[in-house]
Amino acid sequence: MKAKRGGLRIRRGLLALSVVVIVLLFSAVLFLTRPFREPGWEQAPPNPESIYIRGPIDPSAAGGIPVVSPFHLQTDPMQGLLLINFDQDPDSIYVGFEPQFFDDAVHGRGLLVIGWRVDGKVDVFHEAGLQLDPRTYGITGTGLHMMAERTFPEALFELRPGGVQADISFRDLKDRPVRLVVRESDPRPRTPFGLLAPMGSAASDPPALPLVYVDGFYFVRRAGTEYLIEIDGRSHRNDFIPLILDGTAVHFLRYSAAPFIVTWNPDAEAKVRILEPGPVMPGGAAVADADGVRYHVEANGVFREIRRMSRREGDHEVIVEFTPALPQLLALADGVEVSGEFRITAQPSVGTVRGSWQVVRQGGELHLEIAPDGGWTPGPAPPMARALFRVVPMFRHWPATYLWRGTIQLPAPDAAFEQPLAFRSGWQRISEP
């Protein structure tokens, strides 16, 4: 009788333990898949006018001091991209390929394939006629190894609502044949989402802050998919990911039919731009355009401050907002230190990057600093994607490893404010993601 009662207690204990485990697992799933919340964004009070010069230049003459911006935004249009990784079954040279397709006034029309090398650098194979800037590929991996013109005989590269249809062949730098095939046939509906691709997480000496927004992003499904990664006659397995989207398992093959590439403060564009704001609009702001970037400039007494900067490329737009507004730099008093926050937004689906800024006037120099230390907050995404962003912190934290510093050499007090002002700037990685 005692044995029966003992067995009953054990079974009850196991049942209670099972319930606890199920509750804990369910709670963990709810925690990992909960939506991300964008931190609040409130406009800080205007900069105090005490930060500005009183003499030898009278503030009433501030209108004669140029409004300048040391910042710049570049955008690169693209029609679509496919990411193929095989780090777990590498080639002697490559661990991944990235086909991209262009059809725009900047690049022309054609196909390009990035080859991700085992040494961290990239090779760029491209069709003749594409207009490409080699400096663009400094943000990929540890930099550009080589660009090579190639033909892609009878290439197929289509990103449809029903998935990927790709069949691309070319020869690599050692004249080895490469073939990449991905053919999906699963007709079930998909729910694409957006994200900030962690492309800049591997850069050791970044020439810019790379913001690679991939809207319409999705993974290739396992069911009904044919794929081939073949180099010099040897097939490679793509990397594995334990992810389920829309009720079906997926490969670690990803694509976007609406990528939007932004670089902030590229080294190649490092210069101080004089802004010429137009008439004041309702709300007290004026607009100035410089090198494709639009600035919203607000009045703060007799001084003019930059509230935001933006750039549009087709249906895409990226916006950088400052709070408080960035002060009129050339009118700052000696010894003044001003700081604030910024946020970078594009489509709601691709989330937000946030950080801090600082300006210090020391004698004849202005020292500026930009730190995306708030990282990336994802936008709307499927539950399993939200879990992935939480389990792999690199997705959200890599921008916080970047730091930009710039120094503007001011003219002598009795000299006119003329361009070009001496200016040096650059990005650096301050930590690993």
Protein backbone atom coordinates (compact mmCIF):
# COMPACT_ATOMS: atom_id res chain seq x y z
CA MET A 1 0.00 0.00 0.00
CA LYS A 2 2.83 2.32 0.86
CA ALA A 3 4.51 1.53 -2.49
CA LYS A 4 1.35 2.53 -4.37
CA ARG A 5 1.11 5.80 -2.47
CA GLY A 6 4.81 6.44 -3.18
CA GLY A 7 4.30 5.79 -6.90
CA LEU A 8 1.31 8.10 -6.94
CA ARG A 9 3.35 10.89 -5.33
CA ILE A 10 6.11 10.43 -7.92
CA ARG A 11 3.63 10.60 -10.80
CA ARG A 12 2.04 13.70 -9.32
CA GLY A 13 5.47 15.24 -8.87
CA LEU A 14 6.42 14.49 -12.48
CA LEU A 15 3.12 15.93 -13.67
CA ALA A 16 3.69 19.10 -11.65
CA LEU A 17 7.25 19.36 -13.00
CA SER A 18 5.96 18.92 -16.57
CA VAL A 19 3.43 21.71 -16.04
CA VAL A 20 6.17 23.99 -14.69
CA VAL A 21 8.43 23.22 -17.68
CA ILE A 22 5.59 23.87 -20.15
CA VAL A 23 4.74 27.16 -18.44
CA LEU A 24 8.41 28.24 -18.47
CA LEU A 25 8.81 27.33 -22.16
CA PHE A 26 5.61 29.15 -23.05
CA SER A 27 6.75 32.21 -21.08
CA ALA A 28 10.14 32.13 -22.84
CA VAL A 29 8.45 31.98 -26.24
CA LEU A 30 6.19 34.91 -25.34
CA PHE A 31 9.20 36.88 -24.09
CA LEU A 32 11.34 36.24 -27.18
CA THR A 33 8.56 36.87 -29.70
CA ARG A 34 7.05 40.01 -28.14
CA PRO A 35 7.02 43.06 -30.46
CA PHE A 36 9.81 45.59 -30.19
CA ARG A 37 8.84 49.02 -28.91
CA GLU A 38 10.36 52.14 -30.36
CA PRO A 39 11.67 54.36 -27.53
CA GLY A 40 9.88 57.67 -27.15
CA TRP A 41 11.08 60.62 -29.19
CA GLU A 42 10.48 64.10 -27.84
CA GLN A 43 11.86 67.35 -29.13
CA ALA A 44 14.23 68.75 -26.52
CA PRO A 45 14.02 72.46 -25.63
CA PRO A 46 15.92 74.76 -28.02
CA ASN A 47 19.62 75.28 -27.43
CA PRO A 48 20.17 78.24 -25.07
CA GLU A 49 21.39 81.31 -26.92
CA SER A 50 24.21 81.51 -24.38
CA ILE A 51 26.10 78.86 -26.40
CA TYR A 52 26.63 81.40 -29.18
CA ILE A 53 29.20 84.15 -29.64
CA ARG A 54 28.74 87.60 -28.17
CA GLY A 55 31.90 89.20 -29.46
CA PRO A 56 33.90 90.16 -31.33
CA ILE A 57 30.98 89.36 -33.69
CA ASP A 58 27.68 90.75 -32.46
CA PRO A 59 24.83 88.20 -32.46
CA SER A 60 22.77 90.58 -34.55
CA ALA A 61 25.22 89.88 -37.34
CA ALA A 62 24.71 86.11 -37.08
CA GLY A 63 22.89 86.15 -40.41
CA GLY A 64 26.26 86.82 -42.01
CA ILE A 65 27.74 83.63 -40.55
CA PRO A 66 27.06 80.68 -42.86
CA VAL A 67 24.92 77.75 -41.78
CA VAL A 68 27.04 74.69 -42.50
CA SER A 69 26.68 70.92 -42.36
CA PRO A 70 29.60 68.51 -41.98
CA PHE A 71 27.23 65.58 -42.64
CA HIS A 72 26.17 63.81 -45.82
CA LEU A 73 23.87 61.00 -46.89
CA GLN A 74 24.46 58.80 -49.92
CA THR A 75 21.93 56.34 -51.31
CA ASP A 76 22.30 53.45 -53.73
CA PRO A 77 19.25 52.07 -55.54
CA MET A 78 18.97 48.35 -56.14
CA GLN A 79 16.23 46.12 -57.56
CA GLY A 80 16.89 42.98 -55.55
CA LEU A 81 19.44 40.81 -53.75
CA LEU A 82 19.89 37.19 -52.68
CA LEU A 83 22.16 36.09 -49.81
CA ILE A 84 23.74 32.62 -49.99
CA ASN A 85 25.96 31.40 -47.14
CA PHE A 86 27.95 28.17 -46.83
CA ASP A 87 30.37 28.95 -43.97
CA GLN A 88 29.72 25.46 -42.55
CA ASP A 89 30.81 23.84 -45.84
CA PRO A 90 33.27 26.38 -47.25
CA ASP A 91 35.17 26.53 -50.50
CA SER A 92 38.92 27.16 -50.43
CA ILE A 93 38.22 30.82 -51.37
CA TYR A 94 34.53 31.60 -50.76
CA VAL A 95 32.02 31.19 -47.95
CA GLY A 96 29.12 32.99 -49.58
CA PHE A 97 27.72 34.71 -52.66
CA GLU A 98 25.35 37.63 -53.02
CA PRO A 99 23.68 38.19 -56.41
CA GLN A 100 22.33 41.72 -56.90
CA PHE A 101 20.34 43.23 -59.76
CA PHE A 102 20.34 46.90 -60.83
CA ASP A 103 18.11 48.83 -63.18
CA ASP A 104 18.44 52.58 -62.51
CA ALA A 105 19.99 55.78 -63.80
CA VAL A 106 22.91 55.58 -61.36
CA HIS A 107 24.23 52.07 -62.06
CA GLY A 108 22.56 51.15 -65.34
CA ARG A 109 21.02 47.71 -65.87
CA GLY A 110 22.75 44.48 -65.07
CA LEU A 111 23.69 41.68 -62.71
CA LEU A 112 26.41 41.64 -60.08
CA VAL A 113 27.59 38.89 -57.72
CA ILE A 114 29.57 39.59 -54.55
CA GLY A 115 31.84 36.72 -53.53
CA TRP A 116 32.43 36.63 -49.76
CA ARG A 117 35.95 35.31 -49.20
CA VAL A 118 37.36 33.23 -46.34
CA ASP A 119 39.78 36.10 -45.57
CA GLY A 120 36.85 38.48 -44.95
CA LYS A 121 37.29 40.51 -48.13
CA VAL A 122 34.96 40.47 -51.13
CA ASP A 123 35.29 39.96 -54.86
CA VAL A 124 32.78 41.75 -57.09
CA PHE A 125 31.83 40.08 -60.39
CA HIS A 126 29.73 42.36 -62.60
CA GLU A 127 28.32 42.69 -66.07
CA ALA A 128 29.83 45.16 -68.51
CA GLY A 129 28.04 48.47 -68.55
CA LEU A 130 27.26 48.68 -64.84
CA GLN A 131 28.53 51.96 -63.37
CA LEU A 132 30.10 51.01 -60.03
CA ASP A 133 32.17 52.88 -57.45
CA PRO A 134 34.79 50.57 -55.88
CA ARG A 135 34.63 52.64 -52.68
CA THR A 136 31.07 51.40 -52.16
CA TYR A 137 32.39 47.94 -51.37
CA GLY A 138 34.66 49.15 -48.58
CA ILE A 139 31.72 48.66 -46.22
CA THR A 140 31.47 44.94 -46.99
CA GLY A 141 33.48 42.55 -44.84
CA THR A 142 37.05 43.73 -44.39
CA GLY A 143 37.03 45.52 -47.71
CA LEU A 144 37.26 44.99 -51.45
CA HIS A 145 39.72 42.43 -52.79
CA MET A 146 39.02 42.75 -56.54
CA MET A 147 36.40 43.78 -59.08
CA ALA A 148 36.13 41.75 -62.27
CA GLU A 149 33.91 42.07 -65.32
CA ARG A 150 32.06 38.87 -66.17
CA THR A 151 29.33 37.55 -68.41
CA PHE A 152 26.42 35.61 -66.91
CA PRO A 153 25.16 33.42 -69.76
CA GLU A 154 21.37 33.07 -69.81
CA ALA A 155 21.17 34.17 -66.17
CA LEU A 156 17.83 33.97 -64.36
CA PHE A 157 17.26 36.20 -61.32
CA GLU A 158 13.66 36.88 -60.34
CA LEU A 159 12.22 37.64 -56.92
CA ARG A 160 8.52 36.88 -57.19
CA PRO A 161 5.69 36.91 -54.63
CA GLY A 162 6.00 33.13 -54.72
CA GLY A 163 9.73 33.18 -53.94
CA VAL A 164 13.09 33.05 -55.72
CA GLN A 165 13.84 31.87 -59.23
CA ALA A 166 17.59 32.10 -59.81
CA ASP A 167 20.08 30.29 -62.02
CA ILE A 168 23.40 32.16 -62.35
CA SER A 169 26.67 30.89 -63.82
CA PHE A 170 30.05 32.65 -64.11
CA ARG A 171 33.78 32.03 -63.65
CA ASP A 172 35.67 33.20 -60.57
CA LEU A 173 39.12 34.83 -60.37
CA LYS A 174 40.83 31.45 -60.82
CA ASP A 175 38.65 30.74 -63.85
CA ARG A 176 36.69 28.08 -61.94
CA PRO A 177 33.05 27.61 -62.97
CA VAL A 178 30.50 28.75 -60.39
CA ARG A 179 26.79 27.96 -60.55
CA LEU A 180 24.10 29.21 -58.15
CA VAL A 181 20.59 27.82 -58.40
CA VAL A 182 17.57 28.54 -56.19
CA ARG A 183 14.10 27.55 -57.41
CA GLU A 184 11.10 27.79 -55.09
CA SER A 185 7.76 26.15 -55.87
CA ASP A 186 5.81 26.39 -52.58
CA PRO A 187 2.67 28.43 -53.44
CA ARG A 188 1.58 29.16 -49.85
CA PRO A 189 1.38 32.87 -48.91
CA ARG A 190 4.42 34.61 -47.48
CA THR A 191 4.65 37.50 -45.02
CA PRO A 192 7.81 39.45 -45.90
CA PHE A 193 9.21 41.90 -43.39
CA GLY A 194 11.94 44.52 -43.16
CA LEU A 195 15.22 44.77 -41.30
CA LEU A 196 18.54 46.55 -41.13
CA ALA A 197 21.03 44.05 -42.53
CA PRO A 198 24.09 43.65 -40.25
CA MET A 199 26.38 44.23 -43.21
CA GLY A 200 28.60 46.62 -41.27
CA SER A 201 29.21 44.17 -38.42
CA ALA A 202 32.32 42.72 -40.10
CA ALA A 203 33.97 45.96 -41.27
CA SER A 204 37.27 46.62 -39.49
CA ASP A 205 38.01 50.04 -41.02
CA PRO A 206 34.59 51.40 -42.11
CA PRO A 207 34.55 54.27 -44.63
CA ALA A 208 30.95 55.13 -43.64
CA LEU A 209 28.06 53.99 -41.49
CA PRO A 210 26.41 51.42 -43.78
CA LEU A 211 22.63 51.29 -43.43
CA VAL A 212 21.49 48.46 -45.67
CA TYR A 213 17.70 48.46 -45.38
CA VAL A 214 16.10 45.35 -46.83
CA ASP A 215 12.35 45.71 -47.13
CA GLY A 216 10.32 42.83 -48.53
CA PHE A 217 12.78 40.47 -46.82
CA TYR A 218 12.18 36.72 -46.53
CA PHE A 219 13.90 33.33 -46.29
CA VAL A 220 13.81 30.63 -48.95
CA ARG A 221 11.51 27.78 -47.92
CA ARG A 222 12.71 24.23 -47.57
CA ALA A 223 9.51 22.68 -48.91
CA GLY A 224 9.47 22.49 -52.69
CA THR A 225 12.85 24.20 -53.17
CA GLU A 226 15.69 23.11 -55.41
CA TYR A 227 19.07 24.71 -54.73
CA LEU A 228 22.64 24.23 -55.91
CA ILE A 229 25.86 25.93 -54.82
CA GLU A 230 28.54 24.52 -57.09
CA ILE A 231 32.16 25.69 -57.41
CA ASP A 232 34.57 23.93 -59.75
CA GLY A 233 32.31 20.87 -59.89
CA ARG A 234 31.87 20.51 -56.12
CA SER A 235 28.50 21.09 -54.47
CA HIS A 236 28.32 22.93 -51.12
CA ARG A 237 25.61 22.78 -48.46
CA ASN A 238 24.05 26.06 -47.46
CA ASP A 239 24.18 26.99 -43.77
CA PHE A 240 21.43 25.72 -41.47
CA ILE A 241 19.06 27.87 -39.42
CA PRO A 242 16.35 26.46 -37.09
CA LEU A 243 13.72 28.98 -38.13
CA ILE A 244 10.05 28.59 -39.05
CA LEU A 245 8.19 31.36 -40.88
CA ASP A 246 4.50 31.24 -41.80
CA GLY A 247 4.36 27.67 -40.51
CA THR A 248 7.16 26.26 -42.66
CA ALA A 249 10.89 25.59 -42.16
CA VAL A 250 13.31 27.74 -44.15
CA HIS A 251 16.85 27.63 -45.51
CA PHE A 252 19.48 30.17 -44.51
CA LEU A 253 19.03 31.68 -47.98
CA ARG A 254 17.57 35.19 -47.80
CA TYR A 255 16.34 37.72 -50.30
CA SER A 256 14.86 41.18 -50.62
CA ALA A 257 12.88 42.59 -53.50
CA ALA A 258 13.16 46.15 -52.14
CA PRO A 259 16.65 46.88 -50.75
CA PHE A 260 17.65 50.47 -49.98
CA ILE A 261 21.31 51.21 -49.22
CA VAL A 262 22.29 54.34 -47.28
CA THR A 263 25.75 55.47 -46.21
CA TRP A 264 26.05 58.24 -43.64
CA ASN A 265 29.10 60.51 -43.68
CA PRO A 266 31.18 58.55 -46.21
CA ASP A 267 34.87 59.42 -46.04
CA ALA A 268 34.95 60.14 -49.76
CA GLU A 269 32.39 62.93 -49.26
CA ALA A 270 34.01 64.49 -46.20
CA LYS A 271 33.55 68.23 -46.57
CA VAL A 272 31.72 71.09 -44.93
CA ARG A 273 28.71 72.21 -46.94
CA ILE A 274 27.36 75.76 -46.82
CA LEU A 275 23.56 75.71 -46.67
CA GLU A 276 21.40 78.42 -48.17
CA PRO A 277 17.97 78.07 -46.56
CA GLY A 278 14.97 79.27 -48.54
CA PRO A 279 11.94 81.15 -47.19
CA VAL A 280 10.64 80.15 -43.78
CA MET A 281 7.80 77.61 -44.04
CA PRO A 282 4.78 77.30 -41.72
CA GLY A 283 6.09 76.09 -38.37
CA GLY A 284 9.21 78.24 -38.52
CA ALA A 285 11.55 76.01 -40.59
CA ALA A 286 13.30 76.73 -43.87
CA VAL A 287 14.59 74.19 -46.40
CA ALA A 288 18.06 73.98 -47.89
CA ASP A 289 19.25 71.49 -50.52
CA ALA A 290 22.89 70.51 -50.86
CA ASP A 291 24.33 67.64 -52.94
CA GLY A 292 21.06 65.72 -53.01
CA VAL A 293 20.36 66.09 -49.28
CA ARG A 294 17.50 68.20 -47.94
CA TYR A 295 17.96 70.06 -44.65
CA HIS A 296 15.26 71.54 -42.43
CA VAL A 297 16.71 74.60 -40.70
CA GLU A 298 14.98 76.27 -37.74
CA ALA A 299 15.40 79.73 -36.23
CA ASN A 300 16.68 80.03 -32.66
CA GLY A 301 16.65 83.79 -32.12
CA VAL A 302 19.01 85.18 -34.75
CA PHE A 303 20.76 81.84 -35.17
CA ARG A 304 19.89 78.95 -37.52
CA GLU A 305 19.98 75.31 -36.46
CA ILE A 306 19.56 72.01 -38.36
CA ARG A 307 16.56 70.02 -37.18
CA ARG A 308 16.80 67.21 -39.73
CA MET A 309 18.39 66.00 -42.96
CA SER A 310 16.90 63.59 -45.49
CA ARG A 311 17.46 62.01 -48.88
CA ARG A 312 15.02 60.35 -51.24
CA GLU A 313 15.71 57.60 -53.78
CA GLY A 314 12.64 56.57 -55.77
CA ASP A 315 10.02 55.30 -53.32
CA HIS A 316 12.51 55.26 -50.45
CA GLU A 317 13.49 58.07 -48.10
CA VAL A 318 15.90 58.15 -45.17
CA ILE A 319 15.58 60.83 -42.47
CA VAL A 320 18.05 61.85 -39.76
CA GLU A 321 16.52 63.97 -36.98
CA PHE A 322 18.36 65.83 -34.21
CA THR A 323 17.07 66.81 -30.78
CA PRO A 324 17.84 69.47 -29.83
CA ALA A 325 18.54 70.83 -33.28
CA LEU A 326 22.20 70.83 -34.36
CA PRO A 327 23.50 74.33 -33.49
CA GLN A 328 24.82 76.89 -35.95
CA LEU A 329 28.33 75.51 -35.74
CA LEU A 330 30.41 78.48 -36.88
CA ALA A 331 28.67 80.76 -34.38
CA LEU A 332 29.44 78.73 -31.26
CA ALA A 333 31.31 80.49 -28.46
CA ASP A 334 34.74 79.23 -27.41
CA GLY A 335 34.64 76.55 -24.73
CA VAL A 336 31.02 75.58 -25.40
CA GLU A 337 29.95 71.93 -25.38
CA VAL A 338 26.56 70.95 -26.82
CA SER A 339 25.07 67.47 -27.06
CA GLY A 340 21.86 65.73 -27.98
CA GLU A 341 20.32 62.70 -29.63
CA PHE A 342 19.54 61.62 -33.18
CA ARG A 343 17.41 58.99 -34.84
CA ILE A 344 17.48 57.58 -38.35
CA THR A 345 14.23 56.39 -39.92
CA ALA A 346 13.15 55.04 -43.30
CA GLN A 347 10.08 52.88 -43.92
CA PRO A 348 8.39 51.84 -40.65
CA SER A 349 9.00 48.19 -41.55
CA VAL A 350 12.80 48.52 -41.33
CA GLY A 351 12.94 50.01 -37.84
CA THR A 352 14.99 52.84 -36.35
CA VAL A 353 18.64 53.57 -35.52
CA ARG A 354 19.31 55.91 -32.61
CA GLY A 355 22.31 57.53 -31.03
CA SER A 356 23.92 60.63 -29.58
CA TRP A 357 25.83 63.62 -30.93
CA GLN A 358 28.23 66.12 -29.40
CA VAL A 359 29.90 69.36 -30.53
CA VAL A 360 32.75 71.08 -28.66
CA ARG A 361 34.34 74.43 -29.57
CA GLN A 362 37.97 74.60 -28.47
CA GLY A 363 39.78 77.70 -29.63
CA GLY A 364 40.03 77.61 -33.40
CA GLU A 365 38.57 74.11 -33.76
CA LEU A 366 35.17 72.47 -33.65
CA HIS A 367 35.17 68.82 -32.53
CA LEU A 368 32.14 66.75 -33.50
CA GLU A 369 31.14 63.23 -32.53
CA ILE A 370 28.37 60.90 -33.69
CA ALA A 371 27.72 57.64 -31.81
CA PRO A 372 24.90 55.29 -32.92
CA ASP A 373 25.00 53.92 -29.38
CA GLY A 374 21.25 53.24 -29.24
CA GLY A 375 21.60 50.50 -31.87
CA TRP A 376 18.74 49.35 -34.08
CA THR A 377 15.14 48.84 -32.99
CA PRO A 378 13.33 46.46 -35.41
CA GLY A 379 10.01 47.33 -36.97
CA PRO A 380 7.05 44.95 -37.38
CA ALA A 381 8.17 41.37 -38.05
CA PRO A 382 6.87 37.80 -37.68
CA PRO A 383 7.21 36.30 -34.17
CA MET A 384 10.05 33.95 -35.14
CA ALA A 385 11.99 36.83 -36.72
CA ARG A 386 11.57 38.84 -33.52
CA ALA A 387 12.93 35.88 -31.58
CA LEU A 388 15.92 35.70 -33.94
CA PHE A 389 16.67 39.40 -33.40
CA ARG A 390 16.69 38.81 -29.64
CA VAL A 391 18.64 35.55 -29.62
CA VAL A 392 21.32 37.01 -31.94
CA PRO A 393 22.09 40.46 -30.43
CA MET A 394 24.38 41.38 -33.35
CA PHE A 395 21.29 42.28 -35.41
CA ARG A 396 20.38 45.09 -33.00
CA HIS A 397 23.70 46.07 -31.45
CA TRP A 398 26.17 46.34 -34.33
CA PRO A 399 25.54 50.09 -35.04
CA ALA A 400 26.58 50.83 -31.43
CA THR A 401 30.10 49.61 -32.29
CA TYR A 402 30.60 52.57 -34.68
CA LEU A 403 31.88 56.05 -33.80
CA TRP A 404 32.37 59.09 -36.06
CA ARG A 405 34.63 62.00 -35.21
CA GLY A 406 35.15 65.17 -37.20
CA THR A 407 37.22 68.32 -36.69
CA ILE A 408 36.58 71.66 -38.42
CA GLN A 409 39.36 74.21 -38.48
CA LEU A 410 37.81 77.66 -37.96
CA PRO A 411 39.09 80.77 -39.70
CA ALA A 412 40.81 83.53 -37.76
CA PRO A 413 38.40 85.90 -35.93
CA ASP A 414 39.00 88.71 -38.41
CA ALA A 415 38.82 86.46 -41.50
CA ALA A 416 35.77 85.87 -43.68
CA PHE A 417 33.90 82.57 -43.42
CA GLU A 418 34.76 80.99 -46.74
CA GLN A 419 34.90 77.47 -48.04
CA PRO A 420 36.69 75.21 -48.13
CA LEU A 421 37.12 75.01 -44.38
CA ALA A 422 39.76 72.53 -43.27
CA PHE A 423 37.90 69.40 -42.22
CA ARG A 424 38.97 65.91 -41.27
CA SER A 425 36.65 63.11 -40.23
CA GLY A 426 36.22 59.37 -40.16
CA TRP A 427 34.45 56.36 -38.71
CA GLN A 428 35.99 53.71 -36.48
CA ARG A 429 34.90 50.50 -34.81
CA ILE A 430 35.14 50.87 -31.04
CA SER A 431 34.04 47.35 -30.10
CA GLU A 432 32.79 44.04 -31.43
CA PRO A 433 28.99 43.61 -31.80
